Amino acid sequence: MIKNREAISMNESLGYISKDDEKGKETIGFMRKFIKLNEKDAKELRKKLESLELMKLKREDISKIIEIFPENAEELNKIFTDMGLNEDETKKILDTIKEFE
């Protein structure tokens, strides 16, 4: 039953997948090939990005940032296809991401 709908990253979704059955273990193994942060760091990065209180930064965008883990402005701006970030916003986000490298 769906209780709540909110965007989360693949990293954060690992905690919701059953590790007890073979399919869950296989799914987790597959996802780990693509993620760059563990679940705890992903949640901490989300909190820090949310604390920046940037109007253009939506929950869905934060999930994509956590998954892609952009290293520069060009990679970051690929997430924001419908609007651009100014230089200050880009710097704040990238500085926050660098704390988790």
Protein backbone atom coordinates (compact mmCIF):
# COMPACT_ATOMS: atom_id res chain seq x y z
CA MET A 1 0.00 0.00 0.00
CA ILE A 2 1.33 3.42 -0.92
CA LYS A 3 1.24 5.76 2.05
CA ASN A 4 3.30 8.63 0.72
CA ARG A 5 4.73 9.71 -2.63
CA GLU A 6 8.01 11.58 -2.58
CA ALA A 7 11.07 11.54 -4.77
CA ILE A 8 14.04 9.67 -3.34
CA SER A 9 17.33 8.70 -4.89
CA MET A 10 18.39 5.14 -5.67
CA ASN A 11 20.81 5.43 -2.75
CA GLU A 12 17.99 6.22 -0.33
CA SER A 13 15.75 3.49 -1.77
CA LEU A 14 18.18 0.73 -0.75
CA GLY A 15 16.68 0.75 2.75
CA TYR A 16 13.26 -0.17 1.36
CA ILE A 17 14.36 -3.24 -0.61
CA SER A 18 14.19 -6.59 1.11
CA LYS A 19 17.59 -8.17 1.66
CA ASP A 20 15.99 -11.47 2.68
CA ASP A 21 15.05 -12.82 -0.74
CA GLU A 22 17.12 -13.51 -3.85
CA LYS A 23 15.34 -10.90 -5.99
CA GLY A 24 16.02 -8.16 -3.42
CA LYS A 25 19.70 -9.11 -3.19
CA GLU A 26 19.95 -9.09 -6.98
CA THR A 27 18.27 -5.68 -7.20
CA ILE A 28 20.58 -4.20 -4.56
CA GLY A 29 23.63 -5.65 -6.32
CA PHE A 30 22.53 -4.10 -9.60
CA MET A 31 21.82 -0.70 -8.06
CA ARG A 32 25.19 -0.59 -6.28
CA LYS A 33 26.87 -0.53 -9.70
CA PHE A 34 25.41 2.94 -10.31
CA ILE A 35 25.33 4.69 -6.96
CA LYS A 36 28.25 6.66 -5.57
CA LEU A 37 27.13 7.24 -1.97
CA ASN A 38 25.89 4.93 0.73
CA GLU A 39 22.37 5.39 2.08
CA LYS A 40 23.48 7.33 5.19
CA ASP A 41 25.60 9.82 3.20
CA ALA A 42 22.82 10.23 0.62
CA LYS A 43 20.37 11.23 3.36
CA GLU A 44 22.89 13.62 4.87
CA LEU A 45 23.59 15.19 1.47
CA ARG A 46 19.83 15.64 0.92
CA LYS A 47 19.53 17.46 4.27
CA LYS A 48 22.43 19.75 3.43
CA LEU A 49 21.07 20.54 -0.04
CA GLU A 50 17.62 21.24 1.42
CA SER A 51 19.18 23.54 4.01
CA LEU A 52 20.55 25.73 1.19
CA GLU A 53 16.93 26.85 0.69
CA LEU A 54 17.34 27.53 -3.02
CA MET A 55 13.97 28.21 -4.66
CA LYS A 56 14.92 26.41 -7.88
CA LEU A 57 16.01 23.26 -6.05
CA LYS A 58 13.08 20.82 -5.81
CA ARG A 59 13.04 17.45 -4.08
CA GLU A 60 13.17 15.67 -7.46
CA ASP A 61 16.24 17.70 -8.44
CA ILE A 62 17.98 16.78 -5.19
CA SER A 63 17.33 13.10 -5.89
CA LYS A 64 18.94 13.45 -9.31
CA ILE A 65 21.91 15.32 -7.84
CA ILE A 66 22.46 12.50 -5.34
CA GLU A 67 22.25 9.86 -8.07
CA ILE A 68 24.39 11.61 -10.67
CA PHE A 69 26.77 13.23 -8.16
CA PRO A 70 27.88 15.97 -10.59
CA GLU A 71 31.48 17.12 -10.38
CA ASN A 72 31.20 20.39 -12.29
CA ALA A 73 28.73 23.05 -13.41
CA GLU A 74 28.19 21.46 -16.81
CA GLU A 75 27.09 18.14 -15.28
CA LEU A 76 24.93 19.93 -12.71
CA ASN A 77 23.14 22.04 -15.32
CA LYS A 78 22.10 18.89 -17.22
CA ILE A 79 19.74 18.19 -14.34
CA PHE A 80 18.05 21.57 -14.66
CA THR A 81 16.74 21.38 -18.23
CA ASP A 82 13.72 23.66 -17.74
CA MET A 83 15.63 26.44 -15.94
CA GLY A 84 19.21 27.43 -15.37
CA LEU A 85 21.08 28.03 -12.16
CA ASN A 86 23.01 31.20 -11.62
CA GLU A 87 26.69 31.09 -10.71
CA ASP A 88 26.08 31.50 -6.96
CA GLU A 89 23.50 28.68 -6.84
CA THR A 90 25.77 26.39 -8.83
CA LYS A 91 28.71 27.11 -6.51
CA LYS A 92 26.65 26.45 -3.37
CA ILE A 93 25.42 23.10 -4.68
CA LEU A 94 28.83 21.95 -5.94
CA ASP A 95 30.53 23.00 -2.69
CA THR A 96 27.98 20.94 -0.75
CA ILE A 97 28.55 17.92 -3.00
CA LYS A 98 32.34 18.18 -2.60
CA GLU A 99 31.95 17.64 1.14
CA PHE A 100 30.98 14.04 0.33
CA GLU A 101 33.82 13.11 -2.04
